[in-house]
Protein backbone atom coordinates (compact mmCIF):
# COMPACT_ATOMS: atom_id res chain seq x y z
CA MET A 1 101.74 72.33 118.81
CA ARG A 2 103.08 68.45 117.77
CA GLY A 3 105.83 67.35 119.90
CA ALA A 4 109.66 67.63 119.70
CA ASN A 5 109.77 64.02 118.11
CA CYS A 6 107.54 64.08 115.63
CA ARG A 7 108.31 63.41 112.29
CA ARG A 8 109.69 66.64 110.20
CA LEU A 9 108.44 67.51 107.04
CA GLY A 10 108.92 70.43 104.34
CA ALA A 11 105.79 71.94 102.18
CA ALA A 12 106.53 73.26 99.16
CA ILE A 13 103.25 75.32 97.94
CA ASP A 14 102.40 76.11 94.05
CA ILE A 15 99.79 78.72 94.01
CA GLY A 16 97.61 78.92 90.60
CA THR A 17 95.27 81.01 89.60
CA THR A 18 93.13 78.30 89.41
CA THR A 19 94.65 75.34 91.49
CA LEU A 20 96.69 75.14 94.74
CA ALA A 21 98.92 72.45 94.89
CA LEU A 22 100.85 71.12 98.28
CA ASP A 23 103.98 68.51 98.21
CA LEU A 24 104.70 67.10 101.82
CA CYS A 25 108.12 66.20 101.51
CA ASP A 26 110.38 64.19 104.31
CA LEU A 27 113.59 66.48 105.43
CA ASN A 28 115.67 63.79 106.20
CA THR A 29 115.13 61.73 102.62
CA ALA A 30 113.99 64.45 100.81
CA GLN A 31 111.13 62.12 99.21
CA SER A 32 107.82 63.12 98.56
CA VAL A 33 105.16 62.36 101.33
CA ILE A 34 101.99 63.35 99.56
CA TYR A 35 100.85 65.68 97.30
CA ARG A 36 97.80 66.92 96.57
CA THR A 37 95.61 69.79 95.09
CA SER A 38 92.88 71.43 95.42
CA PRO A 39 90.57 74.58 93.39
CA ASN A 40 92.13 78.47 94.96
CA PRO A 41 89.21 79.66 96.60
CA GLN A 42 89.66 83.20 94.98
CA ALA A 43 87.91 82.16 91.87
CA ARG A 44 84.21 82.49 93.87
CA LEU A 45 85.41 85.81 94.62
CA GLY A 46 87.56 87.78 92.24
CA GLY A 47 87.15 85.71 88.91
CA ALA A 48 88.54 82.90 87.32
CA ASP A 49 91.98 84.80 85.82
CA VAL A 50 94.46 87.09 87.28
CA MET A 51 93.44 90.38 85.55
CA SER A 52 89.98 90.06 87.25
CA ARG A 53 91.78 89.42 90.47
CA ILE A 54 93.48 92.79 89.69
CA SER A 55 90.52 94.58 88.86
CA VAL A 56 88.61 93.59 92.30
CA ALA A 57 91.67 93.99 94.43
CA SER A 58 92.06 97.11 92.97
CA SER A 59 88.60 98.64 93.54
CA SER A 60 88.81 98.42 97.65
CA ASP A 61 91.32 97.24 100.66
CA ALA A 62 88.41 95.04 101.84
CA HIS A 63 88.25 93.26 98.78
CA ILE A 64 92.08 92.93 98.79
CA GLN A 65 91.86 91.26 102.53
CA GLN A 66 89.53 88.87 101.34
CA LEU A 67 90.90 87.53 98.57
CA GLN A 68 94.07 86.94 101.01
CA SER A 69 91.78 85.06 103.39
CA ALA A 70 90.20 83.07 100.90
CA VAL A 71 93.67 81.94 99.83
CA ILE A 72 95.23 81.27 103.35
CA GLU A 73 92.30 79.79 104.06
CA GLY A 74 92.45 77.18 101.03
CA LEU A 75 95.90 76.45 101.87
CA SER A 76 95.44 75.99 105.60
CA SER A 77 92.50 73.39 104.84
CA LEU A 78 94.95 71.80 102.39
CA ILE A 79 97.70 71.86 104.84
CA LEU A 80 95.20 70.22 107.86
CA SER A 81 94.29 67.68 105.37
CA CYS A 82 97.66 66.11 104.48
CA CYS A 83 99.99 66.53 107.53
CA PRO A 84 99.98 62.68 109.22
CA GLU A 85 98.95 62.93 112.82
CA ASN A 86 102.59 62.03 114.06
CA ALA A 87 104.56 64.67 111.61
CA CYS A 88 104.85 68.59 111.56
CA ILE A 89 105.94 71.49 109.04
CA ALA A 90 109.57 72.61 109.84
CA GLU A 91 109.92 73.90 106.21
CA VAL A 92 107.94 75.86 103.99
CA ALA A 93 108.78 77.20 100.32
CA ILE A 94 106.05 79.02 98.34
CA VAL A 95 105.98 79.83 94.50
CA GLY A 96 103.23 81.16 92.33
CA ASN A 97 102.83 83.92 89.97
CA PRO A 98 103.06 87.01 90.49
CA VAL A 99 99.18 87.81 91.58
CA MET A 100 98.67 85.76 93.44
CA LEU A 101 101.84 86.08 95.81
CA HIS A 102 100.78 89.72 96.10
CA LEU A 103 97.51 88.53 97.23
CA LEU A 104 99.04 86.05 99.54
CA LEU A 105 100.55 88.84 101.46
CA GLY A 106 97.73 91.58 101.28
CA ILE A 107 99.60 93.92 98.31
CA ASN A 108 97.73 95.73 95.87
CA PRO A 109 98.12 93.95 92.47
CA LYS A 110 97.16 96.83 90.79
CA PRO A 111 100.51 97.86 88.63
CA LEU A 112 100.51 94.82 87.41
CA GLY A 113 97.37 95.16 85.47
CA GLU A 114 98.61 98.19 83.37
CA ALA A 115 101.81 98.61 81.58
CA PRO A 116 105.03 98.79 82.44
CA TYR A 117 103.32 95.91 84.79
CA LYS A 118 105.72 96.23 87.27
CA PRO A 119 104.96 94.21 90.81
CA VAL A 120 105.35 95.83 94.08
CA LEU A 121 107.12 92.71 95.53
CA PRO A 122 110.95 93.19 94.60
CA ARG A 123 112.30 90.90 92.45
CA ALA A 124 115.41 88.47 93.28
CA THR A 125 114.58 88.72 97.21
CA ILE A 126 112.81 85.81 98.90
CA LYS A 127 110.36 86.88 101.24
CA LYS A 128 110.39 85.15 104.67
CA VAL A 129 107.09 85.01 106.78
CA VAL A 130 106.77 83.20 110.05
CA ALA A 131 104.67 80.41 109.31
CA LYS A 132 102.67 80.30 112.27
CA GLU A 133 101.31 83.82 111.56
CA LEU A 134 100.64 83.04 107.45
CA PHE A 135 98.86 80.06 108.42
CA PRO A 136 97.05 80.25 111.75
CA LYS A 137 94.46 77.87 111.79
CA ALA A 138 97.39 75.42 110.87
CA ALA A 139 99.73 76.69 113.50
CA HIS A 140 100.04 73.65 115.74
CA LEU A 141 101.85 72.07 113.10
CA PHE A 142 104.45 74.03 113.27
CA PRO A 143 107.13 73.23 115.96
CA SER A 144 108.06 76.99 116.49
CA VAL A 145 108.15 80.39 115.65
CA SER A 146 111.25 79.98 113.97
CA VAL A 147 109.83 78.10 110.97
CA LEU A 148 109.22 80.39 108.25
CA ALA A 149 107.58 80.18 104.86
CA HIS A 150 109.79 81.27 102.07
CA ILE A 151 107.94 83.03 99.34
CA LEU A 152 110.29 82.84 96.19
CA PRO A 153 111.05 85.54 94.05
CA ILE A 154 109.43 86.47 90.77
CA VAL A 155 111.36 87.04 87.72
CA ALA A 156 109.61 90.20 86.16
CA GLY A 157 105.85 91.63 84.97
CA HIS A 158 104.00 88.75 85.33
CA VAL A 159 106.58 85.85 85.17
CA GLY A 160 106.83 84.53 88.85
CA SER A 161 108.75 82.29 91.08
CA ASP A 162 106.53 78.80 89.58
CA LEU A 163 108.20 79.26 86.28
CA ILE A 164 111.77 79.62 88.52
CA ALA A 165 111.00 76.45 90.22
CA ASP A 166 109.76 74.92 86.88
CA LEU A 167 113.57 75.80 85.75
CA LEU A 168 114.80 73.97 89.20
CA SER A 169 113.06 70.68 88.84
CA THR A 170 113.17 70.23 85.13
CA ARG A 171 116.90 71.61 84.41
CA ILE A 172 116.51 72.34 80.73
CA HIS A 173 119.57 75.06 81.23
CA THR A 174 122.11 72.80 82.83
CA ASP A 175 122.37 70.94 79.09
CA PRO A 176 121.42 73.38 76.33
CA PRO A 177 120.40 72.12 72.96
CA PRO A 178 122.36 71.69 70.09
CA VAL A 179 123.07 74.89 68.29
CA ASN A 180 120.35 76.28 66.08
CA GLU A 181 117.67 74.53 67.92
CA VAL A 182 115.54 75.60 70.84
CA TRP A 183 113.90 74.33 73.47
CA LEU A 184 110.46 75.22 75.10
CA LEU A 185 109.31 74.79 78.90
CA LEU A 186 105.75 75.64 79.07
CA ASP A 187 103.85 76.28 82.35
CA ILE A 188 100.13 75.87 81.11
CA GLY A 189 97.53 76.97 82.96
CA THR A 190 95.09 80.02 83.71
CA ASN A 191 98.23 82.24 83.14
CA CYS A 192 100.89 80.74 80.88
CA GLU A 193 104.65 81.19 82.15
CA ALA A 194 106.97 80.26 79.23
CA LEU A 195 110.38 80.13 79.39
CA ALA A 196 112.94 79.03 75.93
CA VAL A 197 116.40 78.11 75.84
CA ALA A 198 119.07 78.05 72.97
CA ARG A 199 122.57 77.52 73.04
CA LYS A 200 124.94 80.30 71.52
CA PRO A 201 127.41 79.58 68.77
CA ASP A 202 129.97 81.33 69.94
CA GLN A 203 130.45 81.47 73.23
CA PRO A 204 131.43 78.28 74.70
CA LEU A 205 132.04 79.57 78.33
CA ASP A 206 128.88 80.73 78.78
CA PRO A 207 126.92 79.05 76.08
CA VAL A 208 123.17 79.23 77.75
CA ILE A 209 120.68 82.36 76.70
CA MET A 210 117.26 81.91 77.78
CA VAL A 211 113.84 84.23 77.54
CA VAL A 212 110.79 84.35 79.56
CA CYS A 213 107.14 85.35 78.66
CA SER A 214 103.54 85.32 80.16
CA CYS A 215 100.26 85.09 78.58
CA ALA A 216 96.62 85.28 79.66
CA THR A 217 95.19 81.97 78.68
CA GLY A 218 92.32 82.08 80.46
CA PRO A 219 91.06 79.30 82.64
CA ALA A 220 89.78 77.18 79.66
CA LEU A 221 92.72 74.63 79.89
CA GLU A 222 92.37 74.13 83.85
CA GLY A 223 88.63 73.48 82.90
CA GLY A 224 87.46 76.88 83.63
CA GLU A 225 84.49 78.90 82.66
CA ILE A 226 83.90 75.89 80.17
CA THR A 227 80.50 75.39 80.22
CA CYS A 228 80.67 71.59 81.62
CA GLY A 229 84.12 72.33 82.81
CA MET A 230 85.97 71.36 86.42
CA THR A 231 89.65 70.77 87.13
CA ALA A 232 91.15 67.29 87.09
CA GLY A 233 89.80 65.05 89.37
CA PRO A 234 87.21 62.37 90.44
CA GLY A 235 84.43 62.15 87.85
CA ALA A 236 86.31 64.70 85.25
CA ILE A 237 86.40 63.45 81.55
CA ASP A 238 90.02 63.75 80.55
CA ARG A 239 90.17 62.02 76.93
CA VAL A 240 87.94 61.49 74.65
CA ARG A 241 88.15 59.53 71.43
CA ILE A 242 85.61 60.11 67.94
CA ASP A 243 84.72 57.68 65.49
CA LYS A 244 85.73 59.75 62.37
CA THR A 245 83.63 57.54 60.20
CA ASN A 246 80.36 57.90 62.54
CA PRO A 247 80.89 60.53 65.00
CA GLU A 248 77.64 59.42 66.72
CA ASN A 249 80.20 56.46 68.35
CA LEU A 250 82.60 57.98 70.96
CA THR A 251 84.41 56.84 73.82
CA PHE A 252 85.82 58.94 76.69
CA HIS A 253 87.83 58.29 79.81
CA VAL A 254 86.50 59.03 83.34
CA ILE A 255 89.85 60.34 85.75
CA GLU A 256 89.21 57.22 88.88
CA GLY A 257 86.08 55.53 86.71
CA ALA A 258 84.00 57.95 89.18
CA PRO A 259 80.27 58.77 87.82
CA VAL A 260 80.86 61.56 85.05
CA GLN A 261 80.60 65.51 86.78
CA GLY A 262 82.05 66.97 83.72
CA ILE A 263 85.12 67.98 81.83
CA CYS A 264 88.74 69.00 82.40
CA GLY A 265 91.11 70.86 80.72
CA SER A 266 92.67 67.83 78.99
CA GLY A 267 89.56 66.11 77.94
CA VAL A 268 88.46 69.69 76.65
CA ILE A 269 91.78 69.92 74.36
CA ASP A 270 90.88 66.02 73.24
CA ALA A 271 87.47 66.60 72.40
CA VAL A 272 88.09 70.10 70.25
CA ALA A 273 90.62 67.85 67.93
CA GLU A 274 88.79 64.85 67.73
CA LEU A 275 85.78 67.03 66.44
CA LEU A 276 88.14 68.44 63.94
CA GLU A 277 89.72 65.61 63.01
CA ALA A 278 86.06 64.06 62.17
CA GLY A 279 84.93 66.94 60.52
CA VAL A 280 82.39 67.78 62.90
CA LEU A 281 84.07 71.15 63.57
CA GLN A 282 85.57 73.85 61.40
CA LEU A 283 88.97 75.16 61.78
CA SER A 284 87.49 78.65 62.26
CA GLY A 285 85.48 77.09 64.78
CA ALA A 286 82.50 77.14 63.53
CA TRP A 287 80.34 73.75 63.28
CA ALA A 288 80.18 71.86 60.08
CA LYS A 289 77.10 72.29 58.06
CA ASP A 290 75.95 68.75 57.97
CA ALA A 291 76.97 68.30 61.97
CA ALA A 292 73.07 67.46 63.04
CA THR A 293 72.69 65.27 60.02
CA ARG A 294 75.83 63.16 60.94
CA CYS A 295 75.08 63.23 64.87
CA PRO A 296 71.73 63.42 64.88
CA THR A 297 71.36 62.68 68.81
CA ARG A 298 74.62 64.43 69.85
CA PHE A 299 74.31 67.82 68.07
CA ARG A 300 71.65 70.11 69.20
CA LYS A 301 70.71 73.63 68.97
CA ARG A 302 69.83 75.61 71.48
CA ASN A 303 69.28 79.37 71.47
CA ASN A 304 70.68 79.55 68.23
CA LYS A 305 74.31 77.89 69.32
CA GLY A 306 75.19 74.30 68.73
CA GLU A 307 76.36 71.70 71.02
CA PHE A 308 77.96 68.52 71.04
CA VAL A 309 77.34 66.14 73.58
CA ILE A 310 80.09 64.10 74.88
CA ALA A 311 78.40 62.14 77.61
CA LYS A 312 74.78 61.58 78.08
CA ALA A 313 73.03 61.79 81.17
CA ASP A 314 72.63 58.02 82.84
CA PRO A 315 69.38 57.72 84.18
CA ALA A 316 70.91 54.16 86.20
CA ALA A 317 72.84 56.66 87.90
CA GLY A 318 70.43 59.23 89.30
CA SER A 319 71.63 62.37 89.82
CA LYS A 320 75.46 61.04 90.03
CA ALA A 321 76.40 60.95 86.51
CA LYS A 322 75.98 64.37 84.45
CA GLU A 323 75.77 65.25 81.01
CA VAL A 324 78.36 66.92 79.37
CA TYR A 325 79.10 69.01 76.24
CA LEU A 326 80.77 71.75 74.19
CA CYS A 327 78.66 74.76 72.79
CA ASN A 328 80.00 77.58 70.60
CA ASP A 329 81.57 79.72 73.81
CA ASP A 330 83.51 76.44 74.74
CA ILE A 331 85.12 76.16 71.33
CA ARG A 332 86.03 80.13 71.40
CA ALA A 333 87.68 79.84 74.96
CA VAL A 334 89.87 77.14 73.54
CA GLN A 335 90.63 79.20 70.69
CA LEU A 336 91.80 82.23 72.52
CA ALA A 337 93.89 80.36 74.92
CA LYS A 338 95.91 78.34 72.07
CA ALA A 339 96.31 81.26 70.29
CA ALA A 340 97.99 83.05 73.53
CA VAL A 341 100.34 79.83 73.86
CA HIS A 342 101.37 79.45 70.19
CA VAL A 343 101.86 82.98 69.72
CA CYS A 344 103.82 83.54 73.10
CA SER A 345 106.01 80.60 71.97
CA LYS A 346 106.71 82.09 68.45
CA LEU A 347 107.52 85.55 70.10
CA MET A 348 110.30 84.02 72.32
CA ILE A 349 111.41 81.73 69.55
CA TYR A 350 111.89 85.19 67.01
CA LYS A 351 113.51 86.70 70.33
CA LEU A 352 116.12 83.93 70.32
CA ASN A 353 116.53 84.18 67.01
CA GLN A 354 117.95 87.75 67.45
CA LEU A 355 119.69 87.35 70.95
CA SER A 356 121.70 84.11 69.58
CA ARG A 357 122.89 85.24 66.22
CA CYS A 358 122.93 81.81 64.65
CA PRO A 359 123.43 81.69 61.16
CA LYS A 360 120.35 79.54 60.69
CA PRO A 361 116.95 80.34 62.04
CA LEU A 362 116.33 78.38 65.35
CA LEU A 363 114.33 75.06 65.02
CA LEU A 364 111.89 73.97 67.84
CA THR A 365 112.80 70.30 68.93
CA ARG A 366 111.67 69.90 72.35
CA VAL A 367 108.86 70.85 74.41
CA LEU A 368 108.77 70.47 78.08
CA ILE A 369 105.05 70.98 79.52
CA ALA A 370 104.78 71.39 83.33
CA GLY A 371 101.44 71.36 85.61
CA THR A 372 98.44 69.59 86.24
CA PHE A 373 97.35 70.33 82.30
CA GLY A 374 99.68 67.95 80.65
CA ALA A 375 99.22 65.12 82.85
CA HIS A 376 96.24 63.37 81.18
CA LEU A 377 96.92 65.41 77.81
CA ASP A 378 97.73 63.55 74.20
CA PRO A 379 100.72 65.69 72.83
CA GLY A 380 98.93 64.65 69.51
CA ARG A 381 96.07 66.27 70.44
CA MET A 382 97.83 69.39 71.33
CA LEU A 383 99.19 69.67 67.71
CA TRP A 384 95.83 69.06 66.24
CA VAL A 385 94.35 72.20 67.80
CA GLY A 386 97.59 74.66 67.06
CA LEU A 387 98.55 75.04 70.71
CA LEU A 388 101.80 74.68 69.49
CA PRO A 389 103.51 76.13 66.87
CA PHE A 390 105.61 73.03 65.30
CA ASP A 391 104.59 69.98 63.64
CA GLY A 392 107.11 67.37 65.33
CA SER A 393 109.89 66.31 68.01
CA ARG A 394 109.76 65.70 71.45
CA ILE A 395 106.63 66.62 73.91
CA GLU A 396 107.29 66.01 77.38
CA TYR A 397 105.46 66.14 80.41
CA SER A 398 107.41 67.38 83.52
CA GLY A 399 104.71 66.14 85.92
CA PRO A 400 104.04 69.20 88.68
CA ALA A 401 107.34 70.87 88.59
CA ALA A 402 106.60 74.04 89.82
CA VAL A 403 106.19 72.00 93.79
CA ASP A 404 109.08 69.42 92.89
CA GLY A 405 111.46 72.64 92.11
CA ALA A 406 110.00 74.44 95.53
CA ARG A 407 110.74 71.51 97.48
CA GLN A 408 114.39 71.52 95.78
């Protein structure tokens, strides 16, 4: 156990379907000390998306225990690797989507897999667990049994406490948009959770109206289930630019300049947008008929499926630099993800139009993107692939808002 004179830190944790995020902050200054992410190890046992996890967990109590142990092990490793030697953790706040929070506590999430998608965990109730018991391998970092892990309440269905934390971080509701306008907050990941806010024209004392929604985007936007995909980290291609007159010529950026290992979600969106703009890819998602002619060294067919090579294997780098390409299945995964986010956004705007009773249709003028997905993404690329249902106005990146809100 760390001594009584240790530096007291707070741990803000966001449990995502694909990624675990930890922010250790100084409790005296409220300033972040270290922020780090790691893959959610549940993906190896229960599939890449929440419905797969529900299916696996529902099949037996043993699988629930395995999934619970995997995420606790992953979080414990993250905590142990981040906590400085002279520090201890005196406060813990945990947010996440409902399925992840159920599995963290060893609760069968089966009700979330079928209508009416009612969670077992109670709404609007903070669950408190002794931190030493929740994270036994990191127990020595918690100064006493009085240190509790506060698991923030979920909203409803598949809308979890991570969206509430996003709201606390961005404060999008404290200064609502002008009448006839709507703002969106999107936490885009394997499970996209979204909030739309507008102003009631005739109620100055209670002007804010909000609706929330969740949709299954799948793991493609975080690099999951993409042939050469990976999470955003060293060695991941996160930006691609293609010469529109000669698609053979392209450039890309690799996170931290490391040897190429794969492509992350923002890189996938970038590449698809560039291929569309260059005419190598059609709006339907099919490859252009002249793709092989225009890109003789980058476009190829294997098993009757087209592939576009972004990064060629580098013999000089040995096995460290890998070939990275996109294929038909990858394009399809992006189409499904962008359709989910697009429809989710339009549905919330439609609902706000009904509830706000504004004399004119609401106009979407501002979008805040939360989570690791937006960190490396060019907003213009999101518009090119149709991820968002509008053509202009402000798109802002709010950073890892869920852990920031949990820290607050």
